[in-house]
Amino acid sequence: MATSDLTARQSVGFAWQHYYELTKPKVVLLIAFTALVGMLLSKQGIVPWQPMLFGLLGISLAAACGAVVNHIVDQRIDKMMDRTQRRPIPSGHMDSQHAGSFALLLGTVSISMLYFLVNPLTALLTFLALI
């Protein structure tokens, strides 16, 4: 294997690591857990698995979208703080245009999934929570 192939693979993995970090996965997990508890308490009996699964996935993607937007908005402040200056955007590993495109993709997939696979009301409420 050529060194350039190895370097290219490492840089792709490194880029995905930054995209992943932008989504704030621990926060998204807490939001998904809260949504799951809400779904389980929303009705008596067993919740249908398909709306529950796609609802959790759609809500998680929307939360990830919001996290990425938060990184974009806070980039100037993040550069000044020791704790946050190594995040992908302030450190220069990713520019805000790529992050914005990623947020748009996450948001579009999220709202589409919720609209078509769960229900329009859930999609609308999630969209309103994003803006």
N, C-alpha and C. Protein backbone atom coordinates (compact mmCIF):
# COMPACT_ATOMS: atom_id res chain seq x y z
N MET A 1 0.85 -1.18 0.00
CA MET A 1 0.00 0.00 0.00
C MET A 1 0.89 1.24 0.00
N ALA A 2 0.59 2.15 -0.85
CA ALA A 2 1.37 3.37 -0.95
C ALA A 2 1.10 4.27 0.25
N THR A 3 2.09 5.06 0.59
CA THR A 3 1.96 5.98 1.73
C THR A 3 0.84 6.98 1.51
N SER A 4 0.67 7.45 0.27
CA SER A 4 -0.39 8.43 0.00
C SER A 4 -1.78 7.83 0.20
N ASP A 5 -1.95 6.52 -0.13
CA ASP A 5 -3.23 5.86 0.11
C ASP A 5 -3.54 5.79 1.60
N LEU A 6 -2.52 5.45 2.38
CA LEU A 6 -2.68 5.36 3.82
C LEU A 6 -3.01 6.74 4.40
N THR A 7 -2.31 7.75 3.95
CA THR A 7 -2.55 9.12 4.42
C THR A 7 -3.96 9.57 4.05
N ALA A 8 -4.41 9.25 2.85
CA ALA A 8 -5.76 9.63 2.42
C ALA A 8 -6.81 8.95 3.29
N ARG A 9 -6.61 7.67 3.59
CA ARG A 9 -7.57 6.95 4.44
C ARG A 9 -7.58 7.53 5.85
N GLN A 10 -6.41 7.86 6.37
CA GLN A 10 -6.34 8.44 7.70
C GLN A 10 -7.04 9.80 7.74
N SER A 11 -6.85 10.60 6.69
CA SER A 11 -7.46 11.94 6.69
C SER A 11 -8.98 11.84 6.56
N VAL A 12 -9.48 10.84 5.82
CA VAL A 12 -10.93 10.65 5.73
C VAL A 12 -11.48 10.26 7.10
N GLY A 13 -10.80 9.36 7.78
CA GLY A 13 -11.22 8.98 9.13
C GLY A 13 -11.17 10.15 10.08
N PHE A 14 -10.15 10.98 9.93
CA PHE A 14 -10.00 12.16 10.76
C PHE A 14 -11.14 13.14 10.50
N ALA A 15 -11.52 13.30 9.24
CA ALA A 15 -12.63 14.20 8.89
C ALA A 15 -13.94 13.70 9.50
N TRP A 16 -14.20 12.41 9.43
CA TRP A 16 -15.42 11.87 10.01
C TRP A 16 -15.44 12.05 11.51
N GLN A 17 -14.28 11.98 12.12
CA GLN A 17 -14.19 12.21 13.56
C GLN A 17 -14.66 13.63 13.91
N HIS A 18 -14.31 14.60 13.07
CA HIS A 18 -14.73 15.98 13.31
C HIS A 18 -16.23 16.15 13.09
N TYR A 19 -16.77 15.52 12.05
CA TYR A 19 -18.22 15.58 11.84
C TYR A 19 -18.95 14.99 13.04
N TYR A 20 -18.45 13.86 13.51
CA TYR A 20 -19.05 13.19 14.67
C TYR A 20 -19.00 14.10 15.90
N GLU A 21 -17.86 14.74 16.13
CA GLU A 21 -17.72 15.63 17.27
C GLU A 21 -18.68 16.81 17.19
N LEU A 22 -18.92 17.32 15.99
CA LEU A 22 -19.85 18.44 15.81
C LEU A 22 -21.27 18.10 16.28
N THR A 23 -21.64 16.83 16.22
CA THR A 23 -23.01 16.43 16.57
C THR A 23 -23.26 16.33 18.07
N LYS A 24 -22.22 16.47 18.87
CA LYS A 24 -22.33 16.36 20.34
C LYS A 24 -23.09 15.08 20.71
N PRO A 25 -22.49 13.92 20.44
CA PRO A 25 -23.21 12.65 20.60
C PRO A 25 -23.73 12.37 22.00
N LYS A 26 -23.06 12.82 23.04
CA LYS A 26 -23.55 12.57 24.40
C LYS A 26 -24.84 13.34 24.65
N VAL A 27 -24.90 14.57 24.17
CA VAL A 27 -26.12 15.38 24.33
C VAL A 27 -27.25 14.76 23.51
N VAL A 28 -26.95 14.32 22.29
CA VAL A 28 -27.96 13.69 21.44
C VAL A 28 -28.50 12.43 22.11
N LEU A 29 -27.63 11.66 22.74
CA LEU A 29 -28.06 10.44 23.43
C LEU A 29 -29.03 10.78 24.57
N LEU A 30 -28.75 11.83 25.31
CA LEU A 30 -29.66 12.24 26.39
C LEU A 30 -31.01 12.70 25.84
N ILE A 31 -30.99 13.41 24.74
CA ILE A 31 -32.24 13.86 24.12
C ILE A 31 -33.04 12.66 23.60
N ALA A 32 -32.35 11.70 22.99
CA ALA A 32 -33.02 10.50 22.48
C ALA A 32 -33.63 9.70 23.64
N PHE A 33 -32.90 9.61 24.74
CA PHE A 33 -33.42 8.88 25.91
C PHE A 33 -34.68 9.56 26.43
N THR A 34 -34.65 10.88 26.51
CA THR A 34 -35.82 11.63 26.97
C THR A 34 -37.01 11.41 26.03
N ALA A 35 -36.75 11.42 24.74
CA ALA A 35 -37.81 11.17 23.75
C ALA A 35 -38.37 9.76 23.91
N LEU A 36 -37.50 8.79 24.13
CA LEU A 36 -37.94 7.40 24.32
C LEU A 36 -38.86 7.29 25.54
N VAL A 37 -38.45 7.89 26.65
CA VAL A 37 -39.29 7.85 27.85
C VAL A 37 -40.65 8.50 27.57
N GLY A 38 -40.64 9.63 26.87
CA GLY A 38 -41.90 10.28 26.51
C GLY A 38 -42.78 9.40 25.66
N MET A 39 -42.18 8.69 24.71
CA MET A 39 -42.96 7.79 23.85
C MET A 39 -43.56 6.65 24.65
N LEU A 40 -42.77 6.09 25.55
CA LEU A 40 -43.24 4.96 26.34
C LEU A 40 -44.35 5.36 27.32
N LEU A 41 -44.30 6.59 27.79
CA LEU A 41 -45.32 7.07 28.73
C LEU A 41 -46.54 7.67 28.02
N SER A 42 -46.48 7.83 26.72
CA SER A 42 -47.53 8.53 25.99
C SER A 42 -48.82 7.73 25.83
N LYS A 43 -48.74 6.44 25.92
CA LYS A 43 -49.95 5.65 25.75
C LYS A 43 -49.83 4.35 26.53
N GLN A 44 -50.99 3.78 26.82
CA GLN A 44 -50.99 2.50 27.51
C GLN A 44 -50.69 1.40 26.51
N GLY A 45 -50.07 0.37 26.97
CA GLY A 45 -49.75 -0.74 26.10
C GLY A 45 -48.43 -0.55 25.39
N ILE A 46 -48.24 -1.34 24.37
CA ILE A 46 -46.98 -1.34 23.64
C ILE A 46 -47.01 -0.28 22.55
N VAL A 47 -45.95 0.50 22.49
CA VAL A 47 -45.81 1.51 21.45
C VAL A 47 -45.38 0.79 20.17
N PRO A 48 -46.01 1.09 19.02
CA PRO A 48 -45.59 0.45 17.76
C PRO A 48 -44.10 0.73 17.49
N TRP A 49 -43.39 -0.30 17.10
CA TRP A 49 -41.93 -0.18 16.99
C TRP A 49 -41.48 0.73 15.86
N GLN A 50 -42.19 0.75 14.73
CA GLN A 50 -41.73 1.57 13.60
C GLN A 50 -41.78 3.07 13.90
N PRO A 51 -42.90 3.61 14.37
CA PRO A 51 -42.89 5.04 14.70
C PRO A 51 -41.89 5.36 15.81
N MET A 52 -41.74 4.43 16.76
CA MET A 52 -40.79 4.66 17.84
C MET A 52 -39.36 4.71 17.31
N LEU A 53 -39.00 3.75 16.48
CA LEU A 53 -37.65 3.69 15.93
C LEU A 53 -37.35 4.91 15.05
N PHE A 54 -38.23 5.19 14.10
CA PHE A 54 -37.99 6.32 13.20
C PHE A 54 -38.15 7.66 13.92
N GLY A 55 -39.01 7.69 14.92
CA GLY A 55 -39.14 8.90 15.73
C GLY A 55 -37.86 9.19 16.49
N LEU A 56 -37.30 8.16 17.11
CA LEU A 56 -36.03 8.34 17.83
C LEU A 56 -34.90 8.74 16.89
N LEU A 57 -34.84 8.09 15.75
CA LEU A 57 -33.79 8.42 14.78
C LEU A 57 -33.96 9.85 14.25
N GLY A 58 -35.19 10.21 13.91
CA GLY A 58 -35.44 11.56 13.40
C GLY A 58 -35.16 12.64 14.43
N ILE A 59 -35.57 12.41 15.67
CA ILE A 59 -35.32 13.37 16.74
C ILE A 59 -33.82 13.46 17.02
N SER A 60 -33.13 12.33 16.97
CA SER A 60 -31.67 12.34 17.19
C SER A 60 -30.95 13.12 16.09
N LEU A 61 -31.37 12.93 14.86
CA LEU A 61 -30.76 13.68 13.76
C LEU A 61 -31.04 15.17 13.88
N ALA A 62 -32.24 15.52 14.33
CA ALA A 62 -32.57 16.94 14.53
C ALA A 62 -31.72 17.53 15.65
N ALA A 63 -31.53 16.77 16.72
CA ALA A 63 -30.68 17.24 17.82
C ALA A 63 -29.24 17.42 17.35
N ALA A 64 -28.77 16.50 16.51
CA ALA A 64 -27.42 16.61 15.96
C ALA A 64 -27.31 17.85 15.07
N CYS A 65 -28.34 18.11 14.29
CA CYS A 65 -28.38 19.32 13.46
C CYS A 65 -28.27 20.57 14.32
N GLY A 66 -29.03 20.61 15.39
CA GLY A 66 -28.97 21.75 16.30
C GLY A 66 -27.59 21.91 16.93
N ALA A 67 -26.94 20.80 17.25
CA ALA A 67 -25.60 20.85 17.83
C ALA A 67 -24.60 21.43 16.85
N VAL A 68 -24.70 21.03 15.59
CA VAL A 68 -23.79 21.56 14.56
C VAL A 68 -24.01 23.06 14.39
N VAL A 69 -25.27 23.48 14.35
CA VAL A 69 -25.56 24.91 14.24
C VAL A 69 -24.99 25.66 15.44
N ASN A 70 -25.09 25.07 16.62
CA ASN A 70 -24.52 25.68 17.81
C ASN A 70 -23.02 25.86 17.69
N HIS A 71 -22.33 24.87 17.13
CA HIS A 71 -20.88 25.00 16.90
C HIS A 71 -20.58 26.16 15.95
N ILE A 72 -21.39 26.31 14.92
CA ILE A 72 -21.17 27.39 13.95
C ILE A 72 -21.37 28.75 14.62
N VAL A 73 -22.45 28.88 15.36
CA VAL A 73 -22.77 30.15 16.01
C VAL A 73 -21.72 30.52 17.07
N ASP A 74 -21.23 29.53 17.79
CA ASP A 74 -20.29 29.79 18.89
C ASP A 74 -18.82 29.78 18.49
N GLN A 75 -18.51 29.70 17.21
CA GLN A 75 -17.11 29.54 16.82
C GLN A 75 -16.20 30.67 17.29
N ARG A 76 -16.68 31.90 17.28
CA ARG A 76 -15.85 33.03 17.71
C ARG A 76 -15.54 32.93 19.21
N ILE A 77 -16.55 32.61 20.00
CA ILE A 77 -16.37 32.46 21.44
C ILE A 77 -15.49 31.24 21.73
N ASP A 78 -15.71 30.16 20.98
CA ASP A 78 -14.94 28.93 21.19
C ASP A 78 -13.45 29.14 20.98
N LYS A 79 -13.07 30.04 20.09
CA LYS A 79 -11.65 30.31 19.86
C LYS A 79 -10.97 30.92 21.08
N MET A 80 -11.74 31.61 21.91
CA MET A 80 -11.17 32.31 23.06
C MET A 80 -11.07 31.46 24.31
N MET A 81 -11.86 30.41 24.39
CA MET A 81 -11.89 29.59 25.61
C MET A 81 -10.95 28.40 25.49
N ASP A 82 -10.17 28.16 26.53
CA ASP A 82 -9.24 27.02 26.53
C ASP A 82 -9.97 25.70 26.30
N ARG A 83 -11.11 25.53 26.96
CA ARG A 83 -11.84 24.26 26.90
C ARG A 83 -12.39 23.97 25.51
N THR A 84 -12.70 25.01 24.73
CA THR A 84 -13.40 24.80 23.46
C THR A 84 -12.58 25.12 22.22
N GLN A 85 -11.38 25.65 22.38
CA GLN A 85 -10.64 26.08 21.20
C GLN A 85 -10.12 24.93 20.33
N ARG A 86 -10.21 23.70 20.82
CA ARG A 86 -9.78 22.56 20.01
C ARG A 86 -10.94 21.89 19.27
N ARG A 87 -12.12 22.47 19.34
CA ARG A 87 -13.26 21.95 18.59
C ARG A 87 -12.99 22.11 17.09
N PRO A 88 -13.67 21.33 16.25
CA PRO A 88 -13.34 21.30 14.82
C PRO A 88 -13.33 22.66 14.10
N ILE A 89 -14.29 23.52 14.36
CA ILE A 89 -14.34 24.79 13.62
C ILE A 89 -13.31 25.79 14.14
N PRO A 90 -13.25 26.07 15.44
CA PRO A 90 -12.26 27.06 15.89
C PRO A 90 -10.81 26.60 15.68
N SER A 91 -10.58 25.30 15.68
CA SER A 91 -9.21 24.80 15.48
C SER A 91 -8.80 24.82 14.01
N GLY A 92 -9.75 25.06 13.11
CA GLY A 92 -9.45 25.12 11.68
C GLY A 92 -9.50 23.78 10.97
N HIS A 93 -9.92 22.73 11.66
CA HIS A 93 -10.03 21.42 11.02
C HIS A 93 -11.23 21.34 10.08
N MET A 94 -12.20 22.24 10.29
CA MET A 94 -13.37 22.28 9.43
C MET A 94 -13.84 23.73 9.33
N ASP A 95 -14.28 24.12 8.15
CA ASP A 95 -14.79 25.48 8.03
C ASP A 95 -16.30 25.49 8.26
N SER A 96 -16.82 26.66 8.51
CA SER A 96 -18.24 26.76 8.85
C SER A 96 -19.15 26.43 7.67
N GLN A 97 -18.66 26.57 6.44
CA GLN A 97 -19.48 26.21 5.27
C GLN A 97 -19.72 24.70 5.23
N HIS A 98 -18.67 23.91 5.47
CA HIS A 98 -18.86 22.46 5.50
C HIS A 98 -19.78 22.07 6.65
N ALA A 99 -19.58 22.69 7.79
CA ALA A 99 -20.44 22.40 8.94
C ALA A 99 -21.89 22.78 8.64
N GLY A 100 -22.09 23.92 7.98
CA GLY A 100 -23.44 24.34 7.62
C GLY A 100 -24.11 23.38 6.65
N SER A 101 -23.35 22.89 5.69
CA SER A 101 -23.89 21.89 4.75
C SER A 101 -24.27 20.61 5.48
N PHE A 102 -23.43 20.22 6.43
CA PHE A 102 -23.69 19.02 7.23
C PHE A 102 -24.96 19.22 8.06
N ALA A 103 -25.11 20.38 8.67
CA ALA A 103 -26.31 20.68 9.47
C ALA A 103 -27.56 20.65 8.58
N LEU A 104 -27.46 21.22 7.40
CA LEU A 104 -28.60 21.22 6.47
C LEU A 104 -28.98 19.79 6.08
N LEU A 105 -27.99 18.96 5.82
CA LEU A 105 -28.26 17.56 5.49
C LEU A 105 -28.95 16.85 6.66
N LEU A 106 -28.40 17.01 7.86
CA LEU A 106 -29.00 16.36 9.03
C LEU A 106 -30.43 16.83 9.24
N GLY A 107 -30.66 18.12 9.14
CA GLY A 107 -31.99 18.67 9.35
C GLY A 107 -32.99 18.20 8.31
N THR A 108 -32.56 18.18 7.06
CA THR A 108 -33.44 17.75 5.97
C THR A 108 -33.82 16.28 6.11
N VAL A 109 -32.84 15.45 6.39
CA VAL A 109 -33.12 14.01 6.58
C VAL A 109 -34.03 13.81 7.79
N SER A 110 -33.75 14.53 8.86
CA SER A 110 -34.54 14.41 10.08
C SER A 110 -36.01 14.75 9.85
N ILE A 111 -36.26 15.93 9.32
CA ILE A 111 -37.64 16.38 9.14
C ILE A 111 -38.36 15.51 8.11
N SER A 112 -37.67 15.11 7.05
CA SER A 112 -38.28 14.23 6.04
C SER A 112 -38.65 12.89 6.65
N MET A 113 -37.74 12.33 7.43
CA MET A 113 -38.00 11.04 8.07
C MET A 113 -39.20 11.14 9.02
N LEU A 114 -39.22 12.18 9.81
CA LEU A 114 -40.33 12.34 10.75
C LEU A 114 -41.65 12.56 10.02
N TYR A 115 -41.64 13.34 8.95
CA TYR A 115 -42.86 13.63 8.20
C TYR A 115 -43.42 12.37 7.53
N PHE A 116 -42.55 11.64 6.83
CA PHE A 116 -43.02 10.51 6.03
C PHE A 116 -43.11 9.20 6.80
N LEU A 117 -42.31 9.01 7.84
CA LEU A 117 -42.27 7.73 8.53
C LEU A 117 -42.87 7.75 9.93
N VAL A 118 -43.14 8.93 10.46
CA VAL A 118 -43.76 9.01 11.78
C VAL A 118 -45.11 9.72 11.62
N ASN A 119 -45.10 11.04 11.58
CA ASN A 119 -46.32 11.80 11.27
C ASN A 119 -45.99 13.27 11.08
N PRO A 120 -46.82 13.99 10.35
CA PRO A 120 -46.53 15.40 10.06
C PRO A 120 -46.45 16.29 11.31
N LEU A 121 -47.25 16.01 12.33
CA LEU A 121 -47.22 16.83 13.54
C LEU A 121 -45.86 16.74 14.23
N THR A 122 -45.34 15.55 14.35
CA THR A 122 -44.01 15.37 14.96
C THR A 122 -42.96 16.11 14.15
N ALA A 123 -43.05 16.03 12.83
CA ALA A 123 -42.10 16.75 11.97
C ALA A 123 -42.22 18.25 12.18
N LEU A 124 -43.44 18.76 12.23
CA LEU A 124 -43.64 20.20 12.42
C LEU A 124 -43.10 20.67 13.77
N LEU A 125 -43.42 19.95 14.83
CA LEU A 125 -42.95 20.34 16.16
C LEU A 125 -41.43 20.27 16.26
N THR A 126 -40.84 19.27 15.64
CA THR A 126 -39.38 19.16 15.65
C THR A 126 -38.76 20.29 14.85
N PHE A 127 -39.35 20.61 13.71
CA PHE A 127 -38.85 21.74 12.91
C PHE A 127 -38.93 23.04 13.70
N LEU A 128 -40.04 23.26 14.38
CA LEU A 128 -40.19 24.47 15.19
C LEU A 128 -39.17 24.51 16.33
N ALA A 129 -38.84 23.36 16.88
CA ALA A 129 -37.82 23.30 17.93
C ALA A 129 -36.44 23.64 17.39
N LEU A 130 -36.21 23.36 16.11
CA LEU A 130 -34.91 23.67 15.50
C LEU A 130 -34.73 25.15 15.23
N ILE A 131 -35.83 25.84 14.94
CA ILE A 131 -35.69 27.27 14.60
C ILE A 131 -35.97 28.14 15.77
